[in-house]
Amino acid sequence: MKTPILATIFHCMSTSTDTKQIHSKCPEGKLFWCFYNRAKTHRKIPGSHKSIKRKLSEEVVAKMMPVYQCLVSNEILLRCVSGKTQNAN
């Protein structure tokens, strides 16, 4: 469960380029949202990273990373595994 959460931020990083892709955490398959891995699944050449309209700068990623690290902590994930989605109050 940690990998899909982290994929959402790594997929949008501005440091991902055509020569240095950061899609190792993105899901693979024909129907998934990652254009790069979806193209590889279809054995096609992925589109250029230049066509991505909204990239996250390194500064933004640095500010967001503590939130993502909290989201992938074992303590938070263990609360999600039980399937309870509402506050007990």
C-alpha atoms as a PDB file:
ATOM      1  CA  MET A   1       0.000   0.000   0.000  1.00  0.00           C
ATOM      2  CA  LYS A   2       2.974   2.299   0.488  1.00  0.00           C
ATOM      3  CA  THR A   3       4.071   2.083  -3.135  1.00  0.00           C
ATOM      4  CA  PRO A   4       0.790   3.354  -4.666  1.00  0.00           C
ATOM      5  CA  ILE A   5       0.724   6.271  -2.242  1.00  0.00           C
ATOM      6  CA  LEU A   6       4.275   7.301  -3.100  1.00  0.00           C
ATOM      7  CA  ALA A   7       3.606   6.790  -6.811  1.00  0.00           C
ATOM      8  CA  THR A   8       1.220   9.740  -6.808  1.00  0.00           C
ATOM      9  CA  ILE A   9       3.974  12.188  -5.879  1.00  0.00           C
ATOM     10  CA  PHE A  10       6.890  10.639  -7.765  1.00  0.00           C
ATOM     11  CA  HIS A  11       4.834  10.499 -10.975  1.00  0.00           C
ATOM     12  CA  CYS A  12       4.421  14.298 -10.959  1.00  0.00           C
ATOM     13  CA  MET A  13       7.969  15.323 -10.085  1.00  0.00           C
ATOM     14  CA  SER A  14       9.603  17.835 -12.391  1.00  0.00           C
ATOM     15  CA  THR A  15      12.865  15.868 -12.266  1.00  0.00           C
ATOM     16  CA  SER A  16      11.276  13.086 -14.329  1.00  0.00           C
ATOM     17  CA  THR A  17      12.457  13.536 -17.926  1.00  0.00           C
ATOM     18  CA  ASP A  18      12.549  11.490 -21.109  1.00  0.00           C
ATOM     19  CA  THR A  19      16.061  10.298 -20.270  1.00  0.00           C
ATOM     20  CA  LYS A  20      15.507   9.875 -16.517  1.00  0.00           C
ATOM     21  CA  GLN A  21      12.020   8.550 -15.819  1.00  0.00           C
ATOM     22  CA  ILE A  22      10.659   8.247 -12.287  1.00  0.00           C
ATOM     23  CA  HIS A  23       7.860   5.747 -12.811  1.00  0.00           C
ATOM     24  CA  SER A  24       9.160   2.736 -10.881  1.00  0.00           C
ATOM     25  CA  LYS A  25       6.451   3.155  -8.230  1.00  0.00           C
ATOM     26  CA  CYS A  26       3.630   3.755 -10.721  1.00  0.00           C
ATOM     27  CA  PRO A  27       1.228   0.868 -11.389  1.00  0.00           C
ATOM     28  CA  GLU A  28       1.804  -1.169 -14.516  1.00  0.00           C
ATOM     29  CA  GLY A  29      -0.886  -2.381 -16.844  1.00  0.00           C
ATOM     30  CA  LYS A  30      -3.074  -1.468 -19.787  1.00  0.00           C
ATOM     31  CA  LEU A  31      -5.714   0.382 -17.786  1.00  0.00           C
ATOM     32  CA  PHE A  32      -3.667   2.334 -15.251  1.00  0.00           C
ATOM     33  CA  TRP A  33      -3.197   6.103 -15.085  1.00  0.00           C
ATOM     34  CA  CYS A  34       0.580   6.279 -15.636  1.00  0.00           C
ATOM     35  CA  PHE A  35       1.071   7.159 -19.303  1.00  0.00           C
ATOM     36  CA  TYR A  36       4.650   5.886 -19.275  1.00  0.00           C
ATOM     37  CA  ASN A  37       3.953   2.414 -17.879  1.00  0.00           C
ATOM     38  CA  ARG A  38       0.726   2.101 -19.885  1.00  0.00           C
ATOM     39  CA  ALA A  39       2.667   2.719 -23.111  1.00  0.00           C
ATOM     40  CA  LYS A  40       5.310   0.181 -22.095  1.00  0.00           C
ATOM     41  CA  THR A  41       2.559  -2.388 -21.442  1.00  0.00           C
ATOM     42  CA  HIS A  42       1.243  -1.843 -24.979  1.00  0.00           C
ATOM     43  CA  ARG A  43       4.826  -2.067 -26.296  1.00  0.00           C
ATOM     44  CA  LYS A  44       4.655   1.493 -27.590  1.00  0.00           C
ATOM     45  CA  ILE A  45       7.020   4.405 -27.189  1.00  0.00           C
ATOM     46  CA  PRO A  46       5.869   6.537 -24.228  1.00  0.00           C
ATOM     47  CA  GLY A  47       4.946  10.143 -24.901  1.00  0.00           C
ATOM     48  CA  SER A  48       7.366  12.903 -24.051  1.00  0.00           C
ATOM     49  CA  HIS A  49       7.583  14.195 -20.505  1.00  0.00           C
ATOM     50  CA  LYS A  50       7.557  17.682 -22.009  1.00  0.00           C
ATOM     51  CA  SER A  51       3.832  17.278 -22.662  1.00  0.00           C
ATOM     52  CA  ILE A  52       3.081  17.057 -18.929  1.00  0.00           C
ATOM     53  CA  LYS A  53       1.412  20.360 -18.128  1.00  0.00           C
ATOM     54  CA  ARG A  54       1.670  20.403 -14.341  1.00  0.00           C
ATOM     55  CA  LYS A  55       4.870  19.198 -12.775  1.00  0.00           C
ATOM     56  CA  LEU A  56       5.784  19.509  -9.116  1.00  0.00           C
ATOM     57  CA  SER A  57       8.995  21.411  -8.540  1.00  0.00           C
ATOM     58  CA  GLU A  58      11.638  20.049  -6.195  1.00  0.00           C
ATOM     59  CA  GLU A  59      10.719  22.735  -3.648  1.00  0.00           C
ATOM     60  CA  VAL A  60       7.062  21.703  -3.636  1.00  0.00           C
ATOM     61  CA  VAL A  61       7.963  18.021  -3.362  1.00  0.00           C
ATOM     62  CA  ALA A  62      10.257  18.810  -0.428  1.00  0.00           C
ATOM     63  CA  LYS A  63       7.353  20.527   1.363  1.00  0.00           C
ATOM     64  CA  MET A  64       4.899  17.723   0.573  1.00  0.00           C
ATOM     65  CA  MET A  65       7.190  14.800   1.375  1.00  0.00           C
ATOM     66  CA  PRO A  66       6.690  14.945   5.182  1.00  0.00           C
ATOM     67  CA  VAL A  67       2.937  14.555   4.626  1.00  0.00           C
ATOM     68  CA  TYR A  68       3.519  11.575   2.349  1.00  0.00           C
ATOM     69  CA  GLN A  69       5.936  10.034   4.838  1.00  0.00           C
ATOM     70  CA  CYS A  70       3.229  10.321   7.476  1.00  0.00           C
ATOM     71  CA  LEU A  71       0.682   8.728   5.136  1.00  0.00           C
ATOM     72  CA  VAL A  72       2.921   5.710   4.516  1.00  0.00           C
ATOM     73  CA  SER A  73       3.828   5.230   8.173  1.00  0.00           C
ATOM     74  CA  ASN A  74       2.915   1.842   9.594  1.00  0.00           C
ATOM     75  CA  GLU A  75       0.811   3.486  12.308  1.00  0.00           C
ATOM     76  CA  ILE A  76      -1.463   5.225   9.801  1.00  0.00           C
ATOM     77  CA  LEU A  77      -1.647   2.265   7.428  1.00  0.00           C
ATOM     78  CA  LEU A  78      -2.569  -0.162  10.215  1.00  0.00           C
ATOM     79  CA  ARG A  79      -5.590   2.004  10.989  1.00  0.00           C
ATOM     80  CA  CYS A  80      -6.655   1.809   7.335  1.00  0.00           C
ATOM     81  CA  VAL A  81      -6.261  -1.958   6.989  1.00  0.00           C
ATOM     82  CA  SER A  82      -9.193  -2.682   9.302  1.00  0.00           C
ATOM     83  CA  GLY A  83     -11.490  -0.989   6.778  1.00  0.00           C
ATOM     84  CA  LYS A  84     -12.999   1.422   9.286  1.00  0.00           C
ATOM     85  CA  THR A  85     -13.463   4.774   7.612  1.00  0.00           C
ATOM     86  CA  GLN A  86     -15.453   6.749  10.169  1.00  0.00           C
ATOM     87  CA  ASN A  87     -14.457   8.382  13.406  1.00  0.00           C
ATOM     88  CA  ALA A  88     -15.797   6.544  16.484  1.00  0.00           C
ATOM     89  CA  ASN A  89     -16.984   9.783  18.120  1.00  0.00           C
END
